[in-house]
Amino acid sequence: MTHADLGCQRLQQLPDSVAAEVLDAVLYLEQKQRPGGDAPERRPGSAKDQVWTACLG
């Protein structure tokens, strides 16, 4: 029996609300495995004039 088979068996025994959380976790792990994911490309200086910090003193 494969890990997928065991996972399906156990998943079917869970309440729907918990199974939904498991699905969210699986989707997160799939996204994490994709090269680049959905994150935009980061470039130095791309937030210029968009971010400020308060001076304390």
N, C-alpha and C. Protein backbone atom coordinates (compact mmCIF):
# COMPACT_ATOMS: atom_id res chain seq x y z
N MET A 1 0.84 -1.17 0.00
CA MET A 1 0.00 0.00 0.00
C MET A 1 0.90 1.24 0.00
N THR A 2 0.58 2.21 -0.85
CA THR A 2 1.40 3.42 -0.97
C THR A 2 1.01 4.45 0.09
N HIS A 3 1.84 5.46 0.22
CA HIS A 3 1.53 6.55 1.15
C HIS A 3 0.23 7.24 0.73
N ALA A 4 0.02 7.39 -0.58
CA ALA A 4 -1.21 8.03 -1.06
C ALA A 4 -2.43 7.21 -0.65
N ASP A 5 -2.35 5.88 -0.77
CA ASP A 5 -3.46 5.01 -0.38
C ASP A 5 -3.76 5.14 1.12
N LEU A 6 -2.71 5.11 1.91
CA LEU A 6 -2.89 5.25 3.36
C LEU A 6 -3.48 6.61 3.71
N GLY A 7 -2.98 7.65 3.03
CA GLY A 7 -3.50 8.99 3.28
C GLY A 7 -4.97 9.10 2.93
N CYS A 8 -5.37 8.51 1.81
CA CYS A 8 -6.79 8.55 1.40
C CYS A 8 -7.66 7.82 2.41
N GLN A 9 -7.21 6.68 2.88
CA GLN A 9 -7.98 5.92 3.87
C GLN A 9 -8.21 6.75 5.13
N ARG A 10 -7.14 7.35 5.62
CA ARG A 10 -7.25 8.14 6.85
C ARG A 10 -8.07 9.41 6.63
N LEU A 11 -7.92 10.02 5.47
CA LEU A 11 -8.64 11.25 5.15
C LEU A 11 -10.15 11.02 5.13
N GLN A 12 -10.56 9.87 4.64
CA GLN A 12 -11.99 9.55 4.57
C GLN A 12 -12.61 9.37 5.95
N GLN A 13 -11.80 9.11 6.96
CA GLN A 13 -12.30 8.92 8.31
C GLN A 13 -12.43 10.23 9.08
N LEU A 14 -11.89 11.32 8.52
CA LEU A 14 -11.90 12.61 9.22
C LEU A 14 -13.21 13.36 8.98
N PRO A 15 -13.60 14.20 9.93
CA PRO A 15 -14.75 15.09 9.69
C PRO A 15 -14.41 16.06 8.54
N ASP A 16 -15.43 16.54 7.83
CA ASP A 16 -15.22 17.40 6.67
C ASP A 16 -14.39 18.65 7.01
N SER A 17 -14.63 19.23 8.17
CA SER A 17 -13.89 20.45 8.52
C SER A 17 -12.39 20.17 8.65
N VAL A 18 -12.04 19.04 9.20
CA VAL A 18 -10.63 18.68 9.36
C VAL A 18 -10.04 18.28 8.00
N ALA A 19 -10.81 17.57 7.19
CA ALA A 19 -10.35 17.19 5.86
C ALA A 19 -10.06 18.43 5.02
N ALA A 20 -10.86 19.49 5.19
CA ALA A 20 -10.63 20.74 4.47
C ALA A 20 -9.29 21.35 4.88
N GLU A 21 -8.95 21.27 6.16
CA GLU A 21 -7.66 21.78 6.62
C GLU A 21 -6.51 20.98 6.03
N VAL A 22 -6.69 19.67 5.94
CA VAL A 22 -5.66 18.81 5.35
C VAL A 22 -5.47 19.19 3.88
N LEU A 23 -6.56 19.42 3.17
CA LEU A 23 -6.47 19.82 1.77
C LEU A 23 -5.72 21.14 1.63
N ASP A 24 -6.01 22.10 2.51
CA ASP A 24 -5.29 23.37 2.47
C ASP A 24 -3.79 23.15 2.64
N ALA A 25 -3.42 22.26 3.55
CA ALA A 25 -2.01 21.97 3.79
C ALA A 25 -1.37 21.33 2.56
N VAL A 26 -2.08 20.42 1.92
CA VAL A 26 -1.56 19.76 0.72
C VAL A 26 -1.36 20.79 -0.39
N LEU A 27 -2.33 21.67 -0.59
CA LEU A 27 -2.21 22.70 -1.62
C LEU A 27 -1.04 23.64 -1.33
N TYR A 28 -0.84 23.96 -0.06
CA TYR A 28 0.30 24.80 0.33
C TYR A 28 1.62 24.10 -0.01
N LEU A 29 1.71 22.82 0.30
CA LEU A 29 2.94 22.09 0.02
C LEU A 29 3.19 21.97 -1.48
N GLU A 30 2.13 21.79 -2.26
CA GLU A 30 2.29 21.75 -3.72
C GLU A 30 2.83 23.07 -4.23
N GLN A 31 2.27 24.17 -3.75
CA GLN A 31 2.71 25.49 -4.18
C GLN A 31 4.16 25.73 -3.80
N LYS A 32 4.53 25.27 -2.63
CA LYS A 32 5.90 25.46 -2.13
C LYS A 32 6.91 24.70 -3.00
N GLN A 33 6.49 23.60 -3.60
CA GLN A 33 7.39 22.79 -4.44
C GLN A 33 7.61 23.39 -5.81
N ARG A 34 6.68 24.24 -6.28
CA ARG A 34 6.83 24.84 -7.61
C ARG A 34 7.98 25.82 -7.60
N PRO A 35 8.80 25.78 -8.66
CA PRO A 35 9.88 26.77 -8.74
C PRO A 35 9.31 28.18 -8.86
N GLY A 36 9.72 29.05 -7.98
CA GLY A 36 9.26 30.43 -8.02
C GLY A 36 7.94 30.65 -7.33
N GLY A 37 7.09 29.65 -7.26
CA GLY A 37 5.78 29.80 -6.64
C GLY A 37 5.01 30.93 -7.28
N ASP A 38 4.19 31.60 -6.52
CA ASP A 38 3.41 32.72 -7.03
C ASP A 38 4.02 34.06 -6.63
N ALA A 39 5.19 34.03 -6.03
CA ALA A 39 5.81 35.26 -5.56
C ALA A 39 6.35 36.07 -6.74
N PRO A 40 6.13 37.37 -6.72
CA PRO A 40 6.68 38.20 -7.80
C PRO A 40 8.19 38.28 -7.68
N GLU A 41 8.83 38.59 -8.79
CA GLU A 41 10.28 38.72 -8.79
C GLU A 41 10.68 39.89 -7.91
N ARG A 42 11.70 39.71 -7.09
CA ARG A 42 12.17 40.77 -6.20
C ARG A 42 13.34 41.49 -6.86
N ARG A 43 13.28 42.83 -6.85
CA ARG A 43 14.35 43.64 -7.42
C ARG A 43 14.78 44.68 -6.39
N PRO A 44 16.08 44.87 -6.23
CA PRO A 44 16.55 45.90 -5.29
C PRO A 44 16.02 47.27 -5.72
N GLY A 45 15.52 48.03 -4.76
CA GLY A 45 15.04 49.38 -5.02
C GLY A 45 13.62 49.46 -5.54
N SER A 46 12.93 48.33 -5.67
CA SER A 46 11.58 48.35 -6.25
C SER A 46 10.55 49.01 -5.34
N ALA A 47 10.86 49.21 -4.06
CA ALA A 47 9.93 49.85 -3.14
C ALA A 47 10.31 51.30 -2.86
N LYS A 48 11.22 51.86 -3.67
CA LYS A 48 11.67 53.22 -3.45
C LYS A 48 10.49 54.18 -3.47
N ASP A 49 10.45 55.08 -2.51
CA ASP A 49 9.39 56.08 -2.34
C ASP A 49 8.03 55.47 -1.96
N GLN A 50 7.99 54.21 -1.65
CA GLN A 50 6.74 53.57 -1.24
C GLN A 50 6.75 53.22 0.25
N VAL A 51 7.93 53.21 0.84
CA VAL A 51 8.08 52.81 2.24
C VAL A 51 8.81 53.92 2.99
N TRP A 52 8.36 54.23 4.20
CA TRP A 52 9.06 55.21 5.02
C TRP A 52 9.13 54.70 6.45
N THR A 53 10.09 55.19 7.16
CA THR A 53 10.21 54.84 8.57
C THR A 53 10.19 56.12 9.39
N ALA A 54 9.61 56.05 10.56
CA ALA A 54 9.54 57.20 11.45
C ALA A 54 10.84 57.31 12.22
N CYS A 55 11.32 58.52 12.36
CA CYS A 55 12.52 58.75 13.16
C CYS A 55 12.12 58.94 14.61
N LEU A 56 12.69 58.16 15.46
CA LEU A 56 12.43 58.30 16.89
C LEU A 56 13.58 59.04 17.53
N GLY A 57 13.28 60.00 18.29
CA GLY A 57 14.40 60.66 18.93
C GLY A 57 14.11 61.88 19.67
